[in-house]
Amino acid sequence: MTTAAIIWLSLAGVFVVVEAACPFHLVSVWFAVGALVAAIVGQLGGAVWLQTLLFFGVSIGLMAVLWRYIKKFMTSKVTKTNVDSVIGSQGYVTAPVDNLNATGQVKLGGMYWTARSTDGKPISEGTLVQVDRIEGVKVFVTVVKEEISV
């Protein structure tokens, strides 16, 4: 086996290891294929400039042609969880929300959640609130402004 082929196969191995370390991201698979093509050309006696050109050409070509389709496939696999349905829901404060003292609780759809105020202002018990976001097991809420009809 030629030295050039060994170098290209070693690079292909490095790219495969990097890809394995970053599952579902398709970081370096393109370069692994390009290095494999360059190794084949190197083994057949092709010039170094040709090997390099094929490495970059195959890598960039694969990325350009396949990325759009693979990205579409990968993003279609995202599924929402039940927790995602809590965002935007409304509930009542069951224990005063105070970010400075790290206290607060709200009842959302029959479940009690630890709560914090999105804007940092305290919220009193019995206030109607809406969930803005979730961080871990805490919901961040804002007061729902009820309009008074005349």
C-alpha atoms as a PDB file:
ATOM      1  CA  MET A   1       0.000   0.000   0.000  1.00  0.00           C
ATOM      2  CA  THR A   2       1.340   3.435  -0.888  1.00  0.00           C
ATOM      3  CA  THR A   3       2.149   6.087   1.688  1.00  0.00           C
ATOM      4  CA  ALA A   4      -0.460   8.434   0.207  1.00  0.00           C
ATOM      5  CA  ALA A   5      -3.163   5.768   0.496  1.00  0.00           C
ATOM      6  CA  ILE A   6      -2.229   5.100   4.116  1.00  0.00           C
ATOM      7  CA  ILE A   7      -2.398   8.822   4.924  1.00  0.00           C
ATOM      8  CA  TRP A   8      -5.809   9.192   3.251  1.00  0.00           C
ATOM      9  CA  LEU A   9      -7.168   6.077   4.991  1.00  0.00           C
ATOM     10  CA  SER A  10      -5.908   7.415   8.311  1.00  0.00           C
ATOM     11  CA  LEU A  11      -7.695  10.698   7.663  1.00  0.00           C
ATOM     12  CA  ALA A  12     -10.856   8.803   6.726  1.00  0.00           C
ATOM     13  CA  GLY A  13     -10.587   6.958  10.049  1.00  0.00           C
ATOM     14  CA  VAL A  14     -10.244  10.231  11.946  1.00  0.00           C
ATOM     15  CA  PHE A  15     -13.312  11.628  10.178  1.00  0.00           C
ATOM     16  CA  VAL A  16     -15.308   8.491  11.022  1.00  0.00           C
ATOM     17  CA  VAL A  17     -14.310   8.771  14.697  1.00  0.00           C
ATOM     18  CA  VAL A  18     -15.340  12.441  14.739  1.00  0.00           C
ATOM     19  CA  GLU A  19     -18.656  11.497  13.132  1.00  0.00           C
ATOM     20  CA  ALA A  20     -19.225   8.755  15.700  1.00  0.00           C
ATOM     21  CA  ALA A  21     -18.542  11.242  18.506  1.00  0.00           C
ATOM     22  CA  CYS A  22     -21.225  13.578  17.128  1.00  0.00           C
ATOM     23  CA  PRO A  23     -24.175  11.288  16.382  1.00  0.00           C
ATOM     24  CA  PHE A  24     -27.059  12.646  14.303  1.00  0.00           C
ATOM     25  CA  HIS A  25     -25.167  15.774  13.265  1.00  0.00           C
ATOM     26  CA  LEU A  26     -23.400  14.685  10.060  1.00  0.00           C
ATOM     27  CA  VAL A  27     -20.278  16.676  10.801  1.00  0.00           C
ATOM     28  CA  SER A  28     -17.570  14.860   8.900  1.00  0.00           C
ATOM     29  CA  VAL A  29     -19.070  11.957   6.970  1.00  0.00           C
ATOM     30  CA  TRP A  30     -18.561  13.915   3.750  1.00  0.00           C
ATOM     31  CA  PHE A  31     -14.829  14.207   4.384  1.00  0.00           C
ATOM     32  CA  ALA A  32     -14.520  10.517   5.247  1.00  0.00           C
ATOM     33  CA  VAL A  33     -15.933   9.579   1.832  1.00  0.00           C
ATOM     34  CA  GLY A  34     -13.696  12.142   0.113  1.00  0.00           C
ATOM     35  CA  ALA A  35     -10.633  10.743   1.912  1.00  0.00           C
ATOM     36  CA  LEU A  36     -11.607   7.204   0.882  1.00  0.00           C
ATOM     37  CA  VAL A  37     -11.824   8.263  -2.789  1.00  0.00           C
ATOM     38  CA  ALA A  38      -8.452  10.026  -2.490  1.00  0.00           C
ATOM     39  CA  ALA A  39      -6.954   6.856  -0.927  1.00  0.00           C
ATOM     40  CA  ILE A  40      -8.160   4.761  -3.848  1.00  0.00           C
ATOM     41  CA  VAL A  41      -6.656   7.224  -6.347  1.00  0.00           C
ATOM     42  CA  GLY A  42      -3.428   7.311  -4.302  1.00  0.00           C
ATOM     43  CA  GLN A  43      -3.221   3.515  -4.337  1.00  0.00           C
ATOM     44  CA  LEU A  44      -3.712   3.524  -8.109  1.00  0.00           C
ATOM     45  CA  GLY A  45      -0.762   5.922  -8.458  1.00  0.00           C
ATOM     46  CA  GLY A  46      -2.608   9.198  -8.979  1.00  0.00           C
ATOM     47  CA  ALA A  47      -0.733  12.450  -8.381  1.00  0.00           C
ATOM     48  CA  VAL A  48      -1.018  14.183  -5.009  1.00  0.00           C
ATOM     49  CA  TRP A  49      -2.710  17.210  -6.601  1.00  0.00           C
ATOM     50  CA  LEU A  50      -5.354  14.888  -8.112  1.00  0.00           C
ATOM     51  CA  GLN A  51      -5.898  13.158  -4.780  1.00  0.00           C
ATOM     52  CA  THR A  52      -6.329  16.498  -3.022  1.00  0.00           C
ATOM     53  CA  LEU A  53      -8.648  17.813  -5.721  1.00  0.00           C
ATOM     54  CA  LEU A  54     -10.809  14.688  -5.538  1.00  0.00           C
ATOM     55  CA  PHE A  55     -10.874  14.823  -1.733  1.00  0.00           C
ATOM     56  CA  PHE A  56     -12.256  18.360  -1.718  1.00  0.00           C
ATOM     57  CA  GLY A  57     -14.440  17.849  -4.785  1.00  0.00           C
ATOM     58  CA  VAL A  58     -16.125  14.690  -3.500  1.00  0.00           C
ATOM     59  CA  SER A  59     -16.511  16.076   0.039  1.00  0.00           C
ATOM     60  CA  ILE A  60     -18.016  19.386  -1.031  1.00  0.00           C
ATOM     61  CA  GLY A  61     -20.073  17.757  -3.784  1.00  0.00           C
ATOM     62  CA  LEU A  62     -21.643  15.241  -1.399  1.00  0.00           C
ATOM     63  CA  MET A  63     -22.367  17.944   1.123  1.00  0.00           C
ATOM     64  CA  ALA A  64     -23.978  20.193  -1.495  1.00  0.00           C
ATOM     65  CA  VAL A  65     -26.117  17.463  -3.042  1.00  0.00           C
ATOM     66  CA  LEU A  66     -27.211  15.498   0.015  1.00  0.00           C
ATOM     67  CA  TRP A  67     -27.370  18.035   2.849  1.00  0.00           C
ATOM     68  CA  ARG A  68     -30.777  19.439   1.866  1.00  0.00           C
ATOM     69  CA  TYR A  69     -32.374  15.976   1.851  1.00  0.00           C
ATOM     70  CA  ILE A  70     -30.722  14.741   5.021  1.00  0.00           C
ATOM     71  CA  LYS A  71     -31.573  17.923   6.925  1.00  0.00           C
ATOM     72  CA  LYS A  72     -35.218  17.498   5.934  1.00  0.00           C
ATOM     73  CA  PHE A  73     -35.165  13.888   7.169  1.00  0.00           C
ATOM     74  CA  MET A  74     -33.485  14.805  10.456  1.00  0.00           C
ATOM     75  CA  THR A  75     -35.848  17.668  11.298  1.00  0.00           C
ATOM     76  CA  SER A  76     -38.940  15.582  10.564  1.00  0.00           C
ATOM     77  CA  LYS A  77     -38.023  13.282  13.472  1.00  0.00           C
ATOM     78  CA  VAL A  78     -38.505  15.994  16.131  1.00  0.00           C
ATOM     79  CA  THR A  79     -41.477  15.207  18.331  1.00  0.00           C
ATOM     80  CA  LYS A  80     -43.117  17.375  20.925  1.00  0.00           C
ATOM     81  CA  THR A  81     -43.527  16.105  24.439  1.00  0.00           C
ATOM     82  CA  ASN A  82     -46.371  16.608  26.888  1.00  0.00           C
ATOM     83  CA  VAL A  83     -44.276  19.223  28.682  1.00  0.00           C
ATOM     84  CA  ASP A  84     -44.260  21.353  25.499  1.00  0.00           C
ATOM     85  CA  SER A  85     -48.053  21.612  25.736  1.00  0.00           C
ATOM     86  CA  VAL A  86     -47.710  23.418  29.090  1.00  0.00           C
ATOM     87  CA  ILE A  87     -46.128  26.460  27.417  1.00  0.00           C
ATOM     88  CA  GLY A  88     -48.861  29.038  26.811  1.00  0.00           C
ATOM     89  CA  SER A  89     -51.295  27.429  29.258  1.00  0.00           C
ATOM     90  CA  GLN A  90     -52.864  29.375  32.104  1.00  0.00           C
ATOM     91  CA  GLY A  91     -53.227  28.574  35.765  1.00  0.00           C
ATOM     92  CA  TYR A  92     -53.472  30.085  39.202  1.00  0.00           C
ATOM     93  CA  VAL A  93     -50.719  30.854  41.683  1.00  0.00           C
ATOM     94  CA  THR A  94     -51.090  28.555  44.718  1.00  0.00           C
ATOM     95  CA  ALA A  95     -48.036  29.841  46.629  1.00  0.00           C
ATOM     96  CA  PRO A  96     -46.681  33.381  46.172  1.00  0.00           C
ATOM     97  CA  VAL A  97     -44.037  33.631  43.449  1.00  0.00           C
ATOM     98  CA  ASP A  98     -40.888  35.424  44.575  1.00  0.00           C
ATOM     99  CA  ASN A  99     -37.709  34.929  42.553  1.00  0.00           C
ATOM    100  CA  LEU A 100     -35.446  36.467  45.222  1.00  0.00           C
ATOM    101  CA  ASN A 101     -36.596  33.968  47.866  1.00  0.00           C
ATOM    102  CA  ALA A 102     -36.855  31.125  45.318  1.00  0.00           C
ATOM    103  CA  THR A 103     -40.496  30.418  46.170  1.00  0.00           C
ATOM    104  CA  GLY A 104     -43.615  29.983  44.125  1.00  0.00           C
ATOM    105  CA  GLN A 105     -46.053  27.411  42.861  1.00  0.00           C
ATOM    106  CA  VAL A 106     -48.794  27.329  40.248  1.00  0.00           C
ATOM    107  CA  LYS A 107     -51.507  24.841  39.411  1.00  0.00           C
ATOM    108  CA  LEU A 108     -51.706  24.006  35.702  1.00  0.00           C
ATOM    109  CA  GLY A 109     -54.269  21.499  34.483  1.00  0.00           C
ATOM    110  CA  GLY A 110     -54.462  19.659  37.799  1.00  0.00           C
ATOM    111  CA  MET A 111     -50.683  19.535  38.303  1.00  0.00           C
ATOM    112  CA  TYR A 112     -48.593  21.680  40.611  1.00  0.00           C
ATOM    113  CA  TRP A 113     -45.405  23.243  39.259  1.00  0.00           C
ATOM    114  CA  THR A 114     -42.603  25.171  40.907  1.00  0.00           C
ATOM    115  CA  ALA A 115     -42.870  28.660  39.456  1.00  0.00           C
ATOM    116  CA  ARG A 116     -40.760  31.732  38.919  1.00  0.00           C
ATOM    117  CA  SER A 117     -41.727  35.112  37.520  1.00  0.00           C
ATOM    118  CA  THR A 118     -40.484  35.815  33.992  1.00  0.00           C
ATOM    119  CA  ASP A 119     -40.010  39.531  34.676  1.00  0.00           C
ATOM    120  CA  GLY A 120     -38.713  39.020  38.230  1.00  0.00           C
ATOM    121  CA  LYS A 121     -41.653  40.764  39.925  1.00  0.00           C
ATOM    122  CA  PRO A 122     -43.406  38.990  42.811  1.00  0.00           C
ATOM    123  CA  ILE A 123     -46.845  37.490  42.065  1.00  0.00           C
ATOM    124  CA  SER A 124     -49.423  37.000  44.799  1.00  0.00           C
ATOM    125  CA  GLU A 125     -51.443  33.863  45.508  1.00  0.00           C
ATOM    126  CA  GLY A 126     -54.640  33.471  43.465  1.00  0.00           C
ATOM    127  CA  THR A 127     -53.354  35.463  40.478  1.00  0.00           C
ATOM    128  CA  LEU A 128     -54.074  34.117  36.974  1.00  0.00           C
ATOM    129  CA  VAL A 129     -50.788  33.531  35.130  1.00  0.00           C
ATOM    130  CA  GLN A 130     -49.591  32.208  31.779  1.00  0.00           C
ATOM    131  CA  VAL A 131     -46.561  29.965  31.216  1.00  0.00           C
ATOM    132  CA  ASP A 132     -43.850  31.560  29.060  1.00  0.00           C
ATOM    133  CA  ARG A 133     -41.187  28.869  29.215  1.00  0.00           C
ATOM    134  CA  ILE A 134     -39.983  25.838  31.132  1.00  0.00           C
ATOM    135  CA  GLU A 135     -36.498  25.322  32.552  1.00  0.00           C
ATOM    136  CA  GLY A 136     -36.036  21.939  34.142  1.00  0.00           C
ATOM    137  CA  VAL A 137     -38.961  21.473  36.536  1.00  0.00           C
ATOM    138  CA  LYS A 138     -39.760  25.185  36.863  1.00  0.00           C
ATOM    139  CA  VAL A 139     -42.271  27.158  34.843  1.00  0.00           C
ATOM    140  CA  PHE A 140     -41.685  30.841  34.195  1.00  0.00           C
ATOM    141  CA  VAL A 141     -44.941  32.785  34.251  1.00  0.00           C
ATOM    142  CA  THR A 142     -46.369  36.253  33.674  1.00  0.00           C
ATOM    143  CA  VAL A 143     -49.554  37.745  35.040  1.00  0.00           C
ATOM    144  CA  VAL A 144     -52.526  37.567  32.669  1.00  0.00           C
ATOM    145  CA  LYS A 145     -54.076  40.997  32.300  1.00  0.00           C
ATOM    146  CA  GLU A 146     -57.839  40.722  32.344  1.00  0.00           C
ATOM    147  CA  GLU A 147     -59.649  43.489  30.508  1.00  0.00           C
ATOM    148  CA  ILE A 148     -62.500  45.187  32.355  1.00  0.00           C
ATOM    149  CA  SER A 149     -65.573  45.687  30.190  1.00  0.00           C
ATOM    150  CA  VAL A 150     -67.690  48.787  30.747  1.00  0.00           C
END
